[in-house]
Protein backbone atom coordinates (compact mmCIF):
# COMPACT_ATOMS: atom_id res chain seq x y z
CA MET A 1 -105.41 -34.24 39.04
CA SER A 2 -107.13 -30.92 39.76
CA ARG A 3 -107.13 -28.33 37.02
CA PRO A 4 -104.21 -25.90 37.38
CA THR A 5 -105.13 -22.23 37.45
CA GLU A 6 -101.79 -20.75 36.35
CA THR A 7 -98.57 -21.70 34.60
CA ARG A 8 -94.97 -20.58 34.31
CA ARG A 9 -93.72 -19.91 30.80
CA TRP A 10 -90.79 -18.37 28.95
CA VAL A 11 -91.63 -15.37 26.75
CA LEU A 12 -89.48 -13.45 24.28
CA ALA A 13 -88.18 -10.36 26.09
CA LYS A 14 -85.61 -8.97 23.63
CA LYS A 15 -84.46 -9.87 20.15
CA PRO A 16 -80.77 -10.79 20.46
CA ALA A 17 -77.88 -9.56 18.38
CA GLY A 18 -76.07 -12.83 17.78
CA LEU A 19 -76.27 -15.65 20.31
CA PRO A 20 -79.32 -15.42 22.62
CA VAL A 21 -78.54 -14.14 26.13
CA LEU A 22 -79.70 -16.13 29.15
CA SER A 23 -79.46 -13.56 31.98
CA GLY A 24 -79.03 -9.91 32.83
CA PRO A 25 -80.71 -6.79 31.41
CA GLU A 26 -80.22 -8.00 27.82
CA ALA A 27 -81.73 -11.45 28.46
CA THR A 28 -83.53 -12.82 25.42
CA PHE A 29 -86.24 -14.60 27.43
CA ARG A 30 -88.22 -13.84 30.59
CA LEU A 31 -89.87 -16.37 32.89
CA GLU A 32 -93.36 -15.27 33.93
CA THR A 33 -96.41 -16.69 35.67
CA VAL A 34 -99.79 -16.23 33.97
CA PRO A 35 -103.35 -17.48 34.60
CA LEU A 36 -104.70 -20.29 32.46
CA PRO A 37 -107.81 -19.34 30.47
CA PRO A 38 -110.97 -21.48 30.22
CA LEU A 39 -111.11 -23.72 27.17
CA GLY A 40 -112.97 -22.80 24.04
CA GLU A 41 -114.68 -25.36 21.84
CA GLY A 42 -112.18 -27.75 20.25
CA GLN A 43 -109.34 -26.85 22.62
CA LEU A 44 -107.15 -28.88 24.97
CA LEU A 45 -105.42 -27.95 28.21
CA CYS A 46 -102.07 -29.74 28.06
CA LYS A 47 -99.27 -30.46 30.51
CA SER A 48 -95.88 -30.35 28.79
CA ARG A 49 -93.83 -33.54 29.00
CA TYR A 50 -91.09 -33.11 26.36
CA PHE A 51 -89.87 -30.12 24.34
CA SER A 52 -88.12 -30.39 20.98
CA ASN A 53 -84.86 -28.45 20.63
CA ASP A 54 -84.15 -27.47 17.03
CA ALA A 55 -81.57 -25.12 15.55
CA GLY A 56 -84.23 -23.62 13.29
CA GLN A 57 -86.03 -22.23 16.34
CA ARG A 58 -83.53 -19.37 16.19
CA GLY A 59 -85.57 -18.12 13.24
CA PHE A 60 -88.70 -18.12 15.42
CA ILE A 61 -87.09 -15.34 17.47
CA GLU A 62 -85.94 -13.23 14.55
CA SER A 63 -86.33 -14.11 10.91
CA PRO A 64 -83.08 -14.42 8.90
CA VAL A 65 -84.80 -12.62 6.00
CA PRO A 66 -87.22 -9.64 6.04
CA ALA A 67 -90.20 -10.63 8.19
CA ASP A 68 -92.72 -10.15 5.38
CA ARG A 69 -90.81 -12.72 3.29
CA TYR A 70 -90.34 -15.36 6.00
CA TYR A 71 -92.28 -18.61 5.67
CA ILE A 72 -93.69 -18.45 9.22
CA ASN A 73 -94.67 -15.77 11.71
CA THR A 74 -92.01 -15.14 14.33
CA VAL A 75 -92.63 -14.95 18.09
CA PRO A 76 -93.88 -11.47 19.06
CA LEU A 77 -92.19 -9.74 21.98
CA GLY A 78 -93.92 -10.70 25.21
CA GLU A 79 -95.29 -13.96 23.79
CA PRO A 80 -94.13 -17.52 24.63
CA MET A 81 -91.45 -19.27 22.62
CA PHE A 82 -92.73 -21.77 20.02
CA THR A 83 -91.60 -25.39 20.15
CA GLY A 84 -92.47 -28.93 19.19
CA VAL A 85 -93.95 -30.73 22.17
CA ILE A 86 -95.24 -33.99 23.57
CA ALA A 87 -97.87 -33.27 26.19
CA GLU A 88 -100.53 -34.90 28.35
CA VAL A 89 -104.13 -33.76 27.94
CA VAL A 90 -105.36 -32.47 31.32
CA GLU A 91 -108.75 -31.19 30.15
CA SER A 92 -110.50 -31.54 26.80
CA ALA A 93 -113.19 -29.60 24.98
CA SER A 94 -112.79 -31.82 21.92
CA ASP A 95 -114.63 -35.03 21.09
CA ALA A 96 -111.42 -36.39 19.51
CA HIS A 97 -109.33 -36.25 22.71
CA LYS A 98 -109.73 -37.13 26.36
CA ALA A 99 -107.91 -36.36 29.60
CA GLY A 100 -104.83 -38.51 30.15
CA GLN A 101 -104.08 -38.93 26.45
CA LEU A 102 -100.62 -38.12 25.12
CA VAL A 103 -100.46 -35.83 22.09
CA MET A 104 -97.76 -34.12 20.07
CA SER A 105 -97.53 -30.99 17.98
CA LEU A 106 -94.65 -30.22 15.65
CA HIS A 107 -94.51 -26.44 16.22
CA MET A 108 -97.66 -25.31 18.07
CA GLY A 109 -96.38 -26.01 21.57
CA VAL A 110 -94.75 -23.35 23.75
CA TRP A 111 -92.14 -23.21 26.50
CA SER A 112 -94.73 -23.46 29.26
CA GLU A 113 -95.58 -25.93 32.01
CA TYR A 114 -99.21 -25.94 30.86
CA PHE A 115 -100.70 -24.51 27.69
CA VAL A 116 -103.88 -24.44 25.61
CA LEU A 117 -103.70 -26.21 22.24
CA ASP A 118 -106.26 -26.34 19.45
CA ALA A 119 -107.21 -29.99 18.98
CA ALA A 120 -106.70 -29.62 15.23
CA HIS A 121 -102.96 -29.23 15.90
CA ALA A 122 -102.70 -32.27 18.21
CA GLN A 123 -101.71 -35.72 16.95
CA PRO A 124 -102.06 -38.76 19.23
CA VAL A 125 -98.84 -40.34 20.45
CA VAL A 126 -98.92 -44.11 20.10
CA GLU A 127 -96.70 -45.59 22.80
CA ASN A 128 -94.41 -48.43 21.76
CA ASP A 129 -92.36 -50.59 24.13
CA LYS A 130 -89.54 -50.83 21.57
CA ILE A 131 -89.32 -47.18 20.48
CA ALA A 132 -89.10 -44.28 22.93
CA MET A 133 -91.88 -41.73 22.51
CA THR A 134 -89.31 -38.93 22.30
CA HIS A 135 -88.54 -40.08 18.75
CA TYR A 136 -91.84 -38.47 17.76
CA LEU A 137 -89.91 -35.21 18.19
CA GLY A 138 -86.83 -36.53 16.38
CA ALA A 139 -86.73 -39.33 13.83
CA PHE A 140 -90.52 -39.34 13.38
CA GLY A 141 -90.92 -35.60 13.90
CA GLY A 142 -89.56 -32.47 12.25
CA PRO A 143 -85.89 -33.56 11.96
CA GLY A 144 -86.61 -37.00 10.49
CA LEU A 145 -89.27 -35.67 8.15
CA ALA A 146 -86.95 -32.90 6.96
CA ALA A 147 -84.33 -35.55 6.21
CA TYR A 148 -86.84 -37.73 4.36
CA THR A 149 -88.48 -35.00 2.27
CA GLY A 150 -85.23 -33.19 1.58
CA LEU A 151 -83.51 -36.27 0.21
CA HIS A 152 -86.44 -37.71 -1.72
CA TYR A 153 -88.13 -34.59 -3.10
CA ALA A 154 -85.54 -31.77 -3.03
CA ALA A 155 -82.41 -33.80 -3.85
CA ARG A 156 -84.21 -36.54 -5.82
CA ILE A 157 -81.83 -39.11 -4.38
CA LYS A 158 -81.00 -42.30 -6.33
CA PRO A 159 -79.11 -45.51 -5.51
CA ASP A 160 -76.14 -44.58 -7.71
CA ASP A 161 -75.54 -41.26 -5.91
CA ILE A 162 -72.52 -40.24 -3.87
CA VAL A 163 -74.20 -38.32 -1.04
CA VAL A 164 -72.60 -35.88 1.43
CA ILE A 165 -74.51 -34.92 4.59
CA SER A 166 -73.33 -32.20 6.97
CA ALA A 167 -74.13 -32.20 10.70
CA ALA A 168 -74.41 -35.96 10.29
CA ALA A 169 -74.31 -36.53 14.06
CA GLY A 170 -77.27 -34.18 14.61
CA ALA A 171 -80.99 -34.86 14.72
CA THR A 172 -81.66 -34.35 11.01
CA GLY A 173 -78.28 -35.39 9.63
CA SER A 174 -78.15 -38.72 11.47
CA VAL A 175 -81.52 -39.73 10.01
CA ALA A 176 -80.58 -38.42 6.54
CA ALA A 177 -77.37 -40.48 6.57
CA GLN A 178 -79.31 -43.64 7.40
CA ILE A 179 -82.01 -42.97 4.81
CA ALA A 180 -79.36 -42.55 2.11
CA ALA A 181 -77.26 -45.56 3.15
CA ASN A 182 -79.75 -48.03 4.57
CA LEU A 183 -83.12 -47.25 2.99
CA VAL A 184 -82.23 -45.95 -0.48
CA GLY A 185 -78.97 -47.91 -0.67
CA CYS A 186 -76.83 -45.15 -2.18
CA ARG A 187 -73.48 -46.48 -3.35
CA ARG A 188 -71.54 -44.06 -1.14
CA VAL A 189 -72.63 -41.86 1.77
CA VAL A 190 -70.21 -39.42 3.39
CA GLY A 191 -71.16 -37.82 6.67
CA ILE A 192 -69.52 -34.70 8.07
CA ALA A 193 -69.34 -34.30 11.86
CA GLY A 194 -67.24 -32.57 14.50
CA GLY A 195 -64.69 -34.72 16.33
CA GLU A 196 -63.63 -38.34 16.01
CA ALA A 197 -66.16 -39.63 18.56
CA LYS A 198 -69.09 -38.27 16.57
CA CYS A 199 -67.57 -39.44 13.29
CA ALA A 200 -67.20 -42.95 14.70
CA TRP A 201 -70.86 -42.94 15.75
CA VAL A 202 -71.96 -41.84 12.28
CA ARG A 203 -69.89 -44.63 10.72
CA SER A 204 -71.70 -47.10 12.99
CA LEU A 205 -75.04 -45.83 11.69
CA LEU A 206 -73.90 -46.24 8.11
CA SER A 207 -72.94 -49.87 8.70
CA LYS A 208 -76.45 -51.00 9.68
CA GLY A 209 -78.95 -52.63 7.36
CA ASN A 210 -76.99 -52.42 4.08
CA ASP A 211 -74.52 -54.46 2.07
CA ASN A 212 -72.39 -51.47 1.13
CA ALA A 213 -71.06 -50.41 4.53
CA ALA A 214 -67.41 -50.42 3.51
CA GLN A 215 -68.14 -47.77 0.88
CA HIS A 216 -69.42 -45.22 3.41
CA ALA A 217 -67.41 -42.72 5.44
CA CYS A 218 -67.53 -39.81 7.87
CA VAL A 219 -65.01 -36.97 7.93
CA ASP A 220 -64.19 -34.51 10.70
CA TYR A 221 -64.70 -30.86 9.78
CA LYS A 222 -62.53 -29.85 12.75
CA SER A 223 -59.52 -31.65 11.28
CA ALA A 224 -56.71 -29.67 9.63
CA THR A 225 -57.00 -32.08 6.69
CA PHE A 226 -60.80 -31.74 6.30
CA ALA A 227 -60.74 -30.51 2.69
CA GLU A 228 -58.41 -33.27 1.53
CA ASP A 229 -60.26 -35.92 3.57
CA LEU A 230 -63.56 -34.90 2.00
CA LYS A 231 -62.11 -34.92 -1.48
CA GLN A 232 -60.79 -38.43 -0.97
CA ALA A 233 -64.07 -39.64 0.58
CA THR A 234 -66.04 -38.33 -2.40
CA GLU A 235 -63.88 -40.24 -4.88
CA GLY A 236 -61.75 -37.28 -5.92
CA GLY A 237 -64.44 -34.62 -5.50
CA ASN A 238 -67.37 -36.27 -7.27
CA ALA A 239 -70.31 -35.94 -4.86
CA THR A 240 -73.59 -35.95 -6.76
CA VAL A 241 -75.80 -34.86 -3.83
CA TYR A 242 -75.15 -32.60 -0.85
CA PHE A 243 -77.68 -32.34 1.99
CA ASP A 244 -76.73 -29.09 3.71
CA ASN A 245 -77.60 -28.37 7.34
CA VAL A 246 -74.73 -26.00 8.05
CA GLY A 247 -73.80 -23.49 5.34
CA GLY A 248 -70.66 -21.41 5.87
CA GLN A 249 -67.19 -22.94 5.71
CA VAL A 250 -68.47 -26.51 5.45
CA LEU A 251 -70.66 -25.61 2.46
CA ASP A 252 -67.72 -23.79 0.90
CA THR A 253 -65.55 -26.91 1.22
CA VAL A 254 -68.23 -29.23 -0.15
CA LEU A 255 -68.72 -26.99 -3.20
CA GLY A 256 -65.15 -27.87 -4.17
CA CYS A 257 -66.05 -31.57 -4.07
CA MET A 258 -69.23 -31.61 -6.17
CA ALA A 259 -69.58 -33.49 -9.45
CA LEU A 260 -70.90 -32.04 -12.70
CA ALA A 261 -74.67 -31.38 -12.45
CA GLY A 262 -74.69 -32.13 -8.71
CA ARG A 263 -77.76 -31.35 -6.60
CA VAL A 264 -77.72 -29.47 -3.30
CA ALA A 265 -80.72 -29.72 -0.94
CA VAL A 266 -80.55 -26.82 1.51
CA CYS A 267 -82.18 -27.74 4.82
CA GLY A 268 -80.50 -25.21 7.11
CA ALA A 269 -77.50 -22.99 7.79
CA VAL A 270 -76.81 -23.36 11.49
CA SER A 271 -73.34 -21.82 11.19
CA SER A 272 -74.93 -18.43 10.51
CA TYR A 273 -77.98 -18.44 12.80
CA ASN A 274 -76.27 -16.58 15.64
CA SER A 275 -73.86 -14.53 13.56
CA GLU A 276 -74.23 -10.95 12.38
CA GLU A 277 -71.53 -11.48 9.74
CA PRO A 278 -72.52 -12.36 6.16
CA MET A 279 -71.81 -15.86 4.91
CA ARG A 280 -68.67 -15.85 2.76
CA LEU A 281 -68.03 -18.49 0.10
CA ARG A 282 -64.75 -18.62 -1.80
CA ASN A 283 -65.96 -21.52 -3.96
CA TRP A 284 -69.23 -19.90 -5.09
CA PHE A 285 -68.10 -20.06 -8.74
CA GLU A 286 -68.25 -23.87 -8.52
CA ILE A 287 -72.05 -23.51 -8.89
CA ILE A 288 -71.41 -22.24 -12.42
CA ASN A 289 -68.34 -24.37 -13.05
CA LYS A 290 -70.11 -27.62 -12.16
CA ARG A 291 -73.63 -26.49 -13.19
CA LEU A 292 -75.00 -27.26 -9.74
CA THR A 293 -78.67 -27.12 -8.77
CA PHE A 294 -79.62 -25.71 -5.36
CA GLN A 295 -83.05 -26.51 -3.92
CA GLY A 296 -84.18 -24.93 -0.68
CA PHE A 297 -87.09 -26.61 1.07
CA ILE A 298 -89.15 -26.88 4.23
CA LEU A 299 -90.94 -30.08 5.17
CA LEU A 300 -94.34 -28.33 5.06
CA ASP A 301 -93.90 -28.12 1.28
CA PHE A 302 -94.68 -31.83 1.26
CA ALA A 303 -97.47 -31.97 3.85
CA GLU A 304 -99.43 -34.60 1.92
CA LYS A 305 -96.38 -36.87 1.91
CA LEU A 306 -95.73 -36.74 5.67
CA PRO A 307 -98.04 -39.54 6.90
CA GLY A 308 -96.44 -41.98 4.46
CA ALA A 309 -92.98 -40.77 5.43
CA VAL A 310 -93.68 -41.33 9.12
CA GLY A 311 -94.91 -44.84 8.36
CA GLU A 312 -91.80 -45.67 6.34
CA LEU A 313 -89.47 -44.31 9.01
CA MET A 314 -91.24 -46.26 11.76
CA GLU A 315 -91.08 -49.44 9.70
CA ALA A 316 -87.35 -48.85 9.12
CA ALA A 317 -86.82 -48.40 12.86
CA THR A 318 -88.69 -51.62 13.60
CA SER A 319 -86.69 -53.57 11.02
CA GLY A 320 -83.32 -52.19 12.19
CA LYS A 321 -82.53 -50.16 9.08
CA LEU A 322 -82.98 -46.95 11.07
CA LEU A 323 -81.00 -47.22 14.29
CA LEU A 324 -82.65 -45.46 17.22
CA ASP A 325 -80.85 -46.42 20.41
CA GLY A 326 -79.74 -44.47 23.44
CA ALA A 327 -76.98 -42.78 21.45
CA SER A 328 -79.50 -41.41 18.93
CA GLU A 329 -80.84 -38.76 21.26
CA THR A 330 -79.78 -36.63 24.20
CA VAL A 331 -82.60 -36.25 26.73
CA VAL A 332 -82.05 -33.64 29.44
CA GLU A 333 -84.41 -33.59 32.44
CA VAL A 334 -84.91 -30.11 33.92
CA GLY A 335 -87.46 -27.79 35.47
CA ILE A 336 -88.98 -24.91 33.55
CA GLU A 337 -86.22 -22.58 34.83
CA GLU A 338 -83.56 -24.28 32.68
CA VAL A 339 -85.43 -24.74 29.40
CA PRO A 340 -83.65 -21.96 27.42
CA GLU A 341 -80.26 -23.15 28.66
CA VAL A 342 -80.86 -26.67 27.33
CA TRP A 343 -81.96 -25.30 23.95
CA LEU A 344 -78.77 -23.25 23.63
CA ARG A 345 -76.68 -26.42 23.90
CA LEU A 346 -77.51 -26.98 20.23
CA TYR A 347 -75.14 -24.21 19.20
CA SER A 348 -72.14 -25.49 21.14
CA GLY A 349 -72.22 -29.05 19.76
CA LEU A 350 -72.83 -30.68 23.15
CA ASN A 351 -75.54 -33.04 21.95
CA GLN A 352 -75.47 -36.15 19.80
CA GLY A 353 -78.53 -36.98 17.75
CA LYS A 354 -81.77 -35.30 18.80
CA LEU A 355 -81.70 -32.94 21.80
CA VAL A 356 -84.89 -33.28 23.88
CA THR A 357 -85.92 -31.51 27.07
CA LYS A 358 -87.83 -33.65 29.56
CA LEU A 359 -89.80 -31.18 31.64
CA VAL A 360 -90.33 -31.75 35.36
CA VAL A 361 -93.58 -30.07 36.44
């Protein structure tokens, strides 16, 4: 193909108050056309194939803490939105990559049809007939690695644990549930999801590759009996580990079901990402009452562990202990015009498993 001379991309136009706005004078993003620069040494010109959609990208727009305390730099106004990406190399100024090769980057891609990427931030994508390449953005990418590192290194998970995982039908939670049940072999894993259909899917994940399937459960946080259901599922309120993706009301309920000296690994707080209201917890005193340990983490804390984690997750997928079928991801094929709209589906619960944008260029 001939080298493109320009690209369309989405840039941050305004920082939103609450949920990002898709259109009108207060629109959060703006679609623009810009020229593509020549490559510098060690750079790649890439054509976007797949974008990762992650709830944590909300923090890329506006940090949830003072900017000088945030663990990454946010997107400046007028600059393209950051994303994880799988892309095709169109032109290379790097000895390590050649045109036609597929590469991925966890967070150095952007919402653009074409973009320039430093080769140091590009990892080759090894195609596999049995595993869709999009799982490099999900189970083998940021969500799966967050699940793996959070359980093993933040929560220090053990086989005798009773583990609760919120957003268990999401990209990170669905992998975390399977790691706890099928790889570590925890004696009881309790997922939390929204609606009976998603809960049934999570239960199916927990029944694969282990001899303890009958001990696992998934409860519906939308149910009027959620608190009582969770208490019963955690053997009378005796969860030893909580992997938190949600915060808010779900966290508050789980705090009332934790055992003495329980551990909480805090991966995210999606319930508050688009809210201007402070998080309110009625059961906060349970942290003192039950002498709980909270450990916040990001997967980059364990960078040296990530290659081994990817290998273990891929082996688990090959052996059937980590189920990655068509229900494990939601792939939406769109043009560049609809990219922000697909991302916003994360906050309305429309996806199951990993939400991926397949870009038509």
